[in-house]
Amino acid sequence: MIKLKRVYDKYSSEDGFRILVDRLWPRGVSKEKAHIDLWLKEIAPSDELRKWFSHDPERWEEFAKRYFRELKDHSDVVRGLKDILRKNKTVTFVYSAKDKERNNAITLNEFLRRAQNS
């Protein structure tokens, strides 16, 4: 099972294996408070894509398409993430974006869901 959670939300033991899926470490959060088991920078959107998107809701659909392409180009990292998912009952993708409906963790989860169904 994959869960999604902001790094600023309260940690829970029910989160399981916590993976930070952002390229940058979240502001104002210590490593101890974040309870991150793995920081997987390589799975995050490129700096170029992240800066282009700039959390603009108008760019959301195009961001998702471009991020999907980046994920397809990083199949080795995606394969490693799939191994982690197989080994852990619960995995939480941790992210720092304020928008809980449009962020890279949601897109990554959707990418994996589609890959599983194809």
C-alpha atoms as a PDB file:
ATOM      1  CA  MET A   1       0.000   0.000   0.000  1.00  0.00           C
ATOM      2  CA  ILE A   2       1.227   3.478  -0.895  1.00  0.00           C
ATOM      3  CA  LYS A   3       0.285   6.480   1.208  1.00  0.00           C
ATOM      4  CA  LEU A   4       1.014  10.132   0.499  1.00  0.00           C
ATOM      5  CA  LYS A   5       1.838  12.616   3.224  1.00  0.00           C
ATOM      6  CA  ARG A   6       3.288  16.087   3.621  1.00  0.00           C
ATOM      7  CA  VAL A   7       6.542  16.105   5.545  1.00  0.00           C
ATOM      8  CA  TYR A   8       5.017  18.785   7.797  1.00  0.00           C
ATOM      9  CA  ASP A   9       2.169  16.487   8.854  1.00  0.00           C
ATOM     10  CA  LYS A  10       2.537  14.481  12.051  1.00  0.00           C
ATOM     11  CA  TYR A  11       4.575  11.293  11.767  1.00  0.00           C
ATOM     12  CA  SER A  12       2.785   8.026  12.483  1.00  0.00           C
ATOM     13  CA  SER A  13       4.165   4.526  12.895  1.00  0.00           C
ATOM     14  CA  GLU A  14       1.382   3.507  10.480  1.00  0.00           C
ATOM     15  CA  ASP A  15       3.266   5.347   7.723  1.00  0.00           C
ATOM     16  CA  GLY A  16       5.496   2.317   7.296  1.00  0.00           C
ATOM     17  CA  PHE A  17       8.610   2.901   5.191  1.00  0.00           C
ATOM     18  CA  ARG A  18       8.838   6.652   4.529  1.00  0.00           C
ATOM     19  CA  ILE A  19      10.440   7.889   1.303  1.00  0.00           C
ATOM     20  CA  LEU A  20      11.089  11.558   0.673  1.00  0.00           C
ATOM     21  CA  VAL A  21      10.350  11.990  -3.042  1.00  0.00           C
ATOM     22  CA  ASP A  22      11.534  15.602  -3.351  1.00  0.00           C
ATOM     23  CA  ARG A  23      14.817  16.749  -4.857  1.00  0.00           C
ATOM     24  CA  LEU A  24      15.327  19.383  -2.139  1.00  0.00           C
ATOM     25  CA  TRP A  25      15.233  18.820   1.621  1.00  0.00           C
ATOM     26  CA  PRO A  26      12.123  20.496   3.098  1.00  0.00           C
ATOM     27  CA  ARG A  27      12.671  23.811   4.836  1.00  0.00           C
ATOM     28  CA  GLY A  28      12.564  23.901   8.596  1.00  0.00           C
ATOM     29  CA  VAL A  29      12.371  20.147   9.120  1.00  0.00           C
ATOM     30  CA  SER A  30      15.131  18.270  10.907  1.00  0.00           C
ATOM     31  CA  LYS A  31      16.075  14.781   9.810  1.00  0.00           C
ATOM     32  CA  GLU A  32      14.924  13.460  13.188  1.00  0.00           C
ATOM     33  CA  LYS A  33      11.496  15.105  12.945  1.00  0.00           C
ATOM     34  CA  ALA A  34      10.999  14.009   9.330  1.00  0.00           C
ATOM     35  CA  HIS A  35      11.404  10.289  10.150  1.00  0.00           C
ATOM     36  CA  ILE A  36      12.606   9.589   6.600  1.00  0.00           C
ATOM     37  CA  ASP A  37      13.834   6.065   5.869  1.00  0.00           C
ATOM     38  CA  LEU A  38      15.058   6.919   2.369  1.00  0.00           C
ATOM     39  CA  TRP A  39      15.572  10.175   0.501  1.00  0.00           C
ATOM     40  CA  LEU A  40      15.113   9.213  -3.134  1.00  0.00           C
ATOM     41  CA  LYS A  41      16.144  12.451  -4.884  1.00  0.00           C
ATOM     42  CA  GLU A  42      16.603  10.625  -8.180  1.00  0.00           C
ATOM     43  CA  ILE A  43      12.871   9.863  -8.443  1.00  0.00           C
ATOM     44  CA  ALA A  44      11.906  13.525  -8.072  1.00  0.00           C
ATOM     45  CA  PRO A  45      11.211  15.787 -11.047  1.00  0.00           C
ATOM     46  CA  SER A  46      14.295  17.377 -12.574  1.00  0.00           C
ATOM     47  CA  ASP A  47      15.263  20.841 -11.392  1.00  0.00           C
ATOM     48  CA  GLU A  48      14.223  22.200 -14.772  1.00  0.00           C
ATOM     49  CA  LEU A  49      10.756  20.645 -14.597  1.00  0.00           C
ATOM     50  CA  ARG A  50      10.280  21.595 -10.951  1.00  0.00           C
ATOM     51  CA  LYS A  51      11.174  25.220 -11.637  1.00  0.00           C
ATOM     52  CA  TRP A  52       9.018  25.337 -14.775  1.00  0.00           C
ATOM     53  CA  PHE A  53       5.972  23.965 -12.923  1.00  0.00           C
ATOM     54  CA  SER A  54       6.436  26.281  -9.937  1.00  0.00           C
ATOM     55  CA  HIS A  55       3.242  24.777  -8.451  1.00  0.00           C
ATOM     56  CA  ASP A  56       1.127  26.642 -10.996  1.00  0.00           C
ATOM     57  CA  PRO A  57      -2.242  24.823 -11.192  1.00  0.00           C
ATOM     58  CA  GLU A  58      -2.565  25.896 -14.841  1.00  0.00           C
ATOM     59  CA  ARG A  59       0.552  23.863 -15.654  1.00  0.00           C
ATOM     60  CA  TRP A  60      -0.509  20.762 -13.717  1.00  0.00           C
ATOM     61  CA  GLU A  61      -1.550  18.540 -16.635  1.00  0.00           C
ATOM     62  CA  GLU A  62       1.548  19.347 -18.664  1.00  0.00           C
ATOM     63  CA  PHE A  63       3.722  18.858 -15.575  1.00  0.00           C
ATOM     64  CA  ALA A  64       2.285  15.368 -15.087  1.00  0.00           C
ATOM     65  CA  LYS A  65       2.968  14.438 -18.732  1.00  0.00           C
ATOM     66  CA  ARG A  66       6.531  15.701 -18.568  1.00  0.00           C
ATOM     67  CA  TYR A  67       7.188  13.987 -15.232  1.00  0.00           C
ATOM     68  CA  PHE A  68       5.855  10.700 -16.629  1.00  0.00           C
ATOM     69  CA  ARG A  69       8.391  11.019 -19.463  1.00  0.00           C
ATOM     70  CA  GLU A  70      11.189  11.648 -16.970  1.00  0.00           C
ATOM     71  CA  LEU A  71      10.153   8.608 -14.935  1.00  0.00           C
ATOM     72  CA  LYS A  72      10.184   6.440 -18.062  1.00  0.00           C
ATOM     73  CA  ASP A  73      13.729   7.659 -18.748  1.00  0.00           C
ATOM     74  CA  HIS A  74      14.812   6.625 -15.218  1.00  0.00           C
ATOM     75  CA  SER A  75      13.651   3.027 -15.337  1.00  0.00           C
ATOM     76  CA  ASP A  76      16.510   1.851 -13.100  1.00  0.00           C
ATOM     77  CA  VAL A  77      15.389   4.146 -10.263  1.00  0.00           C
ATOM     78  CA  VAL A  78      11.743   3.184 -10.797  1.00  0.00           C
ATOM     79  CA  ARG A  79      12.718  -0.497 -10.714  1.00  0.00           C
ATOM     80  CA  GLY A  80      14.513   0.078  -7.395  1.00  0.00           C
ATOM     81  CA  LEU A  81      11.442   1.812  -6.002  1.00  0.00           C
ATOM     82  CA  LYS A  82       9.250  -1.103  -7.095  1.00  0.00           C
ATOM     83  CA  ASP A  83      11.574  -3.452  -5.182  1.00  0.00           C
ATOM     84  CA  ILE A  84      11.091  -1.343  -2.052  1.00  0.00           C
ATOM     85  CA  LEU A  85       7.321  -1.447  -2.540  1.00  0.00           C
ATOM     86  CA  ARG A  86       7.387  -5.245  -2.817  1.00  0.00           C
ATOM     87  CA  LYS A  87       9.435  -5.586   0.384  1.00  0.00           C
ATOM     88  CA  ASN A  88       7.299  -3.277   2.542  1.00  0.00           C
ATOM     89  CA  LYS A  89       3.634  -3.652   3.443  1.00  0.00           C
ATOM     90  CA  THR A  90       3.155   0.122   3.668  1.00  0.00           C
ATOM     91  CA  VAL A  91       5.211   2.828   1.988  1.00  0.00           C
ATOM     92  CA  THR A  92       4.537   6.538   2.407  1.00  0.00           C
ATOM     93  CA  PHE A  93       5.699   8.989  -0.212  1.00  0.00           C
ATOM     94  CA  VAL A  94       6.622  12.107   1.720  1.00  0.00           C
ATOM     95  CA  TYR A  95       6.627  15.479  -0.027  1.00  0.00           C
ATOM     96  CA  SER A  96       6.800  19.143   0.970  1.00  0.00           C
ATOM     97  CA  ALA A  97       4.439  20.868  -1.490  1.00  0.00           C
ATOM     98  CA  LYS A  98       1.545  22.796   0.031  1.00  0.00           C
ATOM     99  CA  ASP A  99      -0.865  21.611  -2.669  1.00  0.00           C
ATOM    100  CA  LYS A 100      -2.137  18.204  -1.612  1.00  0.00           C
ATOM    101  CA  GLU A 101      -3.918  17.653  -4.943  1.00  0.00           C
ATOM    102  CA  ARG A 102      -1.188  18.615  -7.423  1.00  0.00           C
ATOM    103  CA  ASN A 103       2.322  17.500  -6.539  1.00  0.00           C
ATOM    104  CA  ASN A 104       5.008  15.083  -7.665  1.00  0.00           C
ATOM    105  CA  ALA A 105       4.079  12.415  -5.080  1.00  0.00           C
ATOM    106  CA  ILE A 106       0.587  12.142  -6.583  1.00  0.00           C
ATOM    107  CA  THR A 107       2.035  11.900 -10.078  1.00  0.00           C
ATOM    108  CA  LEU A 108       4.590   9.288  -9.019  1.00  0.00           C
ATOM    109  CA  ASN A 109       1.859   7.219  -7.370  1.00  0.00           C
ATOM    110  CA  GLU A 110      -0.266   7.426 -10.533  1.00  0.00           C
ATOM    111  CA  PHE A 111       2.706   6.451 -12.700  1.00  0.00           C
ATOM    112  CA  LEU A 112       3.302   3.343 -10.576  1.00  0.00           C
ATOM    113  CA  ARG A 113      -0.389   2.465 -10.529  1.00  0.00           C
ATOM    114  CA  ARG A 114      -0.568   2.633 -14.334  1.00  0.00           C
ATOM    115  CA  ALA A 115       2.634   0.626 -14.696  1.00  0.00           C
ATOM    116  CA  GLN A 116       1.197  -2.073 -12.454  1.00  0.00           C
ATOM    117  CA  ASN A 117      -1.981  -2.298 -14.545  1.00  0.00           C
ATOM    118  CA  SER A 118      -0.222  -2.479 -17.905  1.00  0.00           C
END
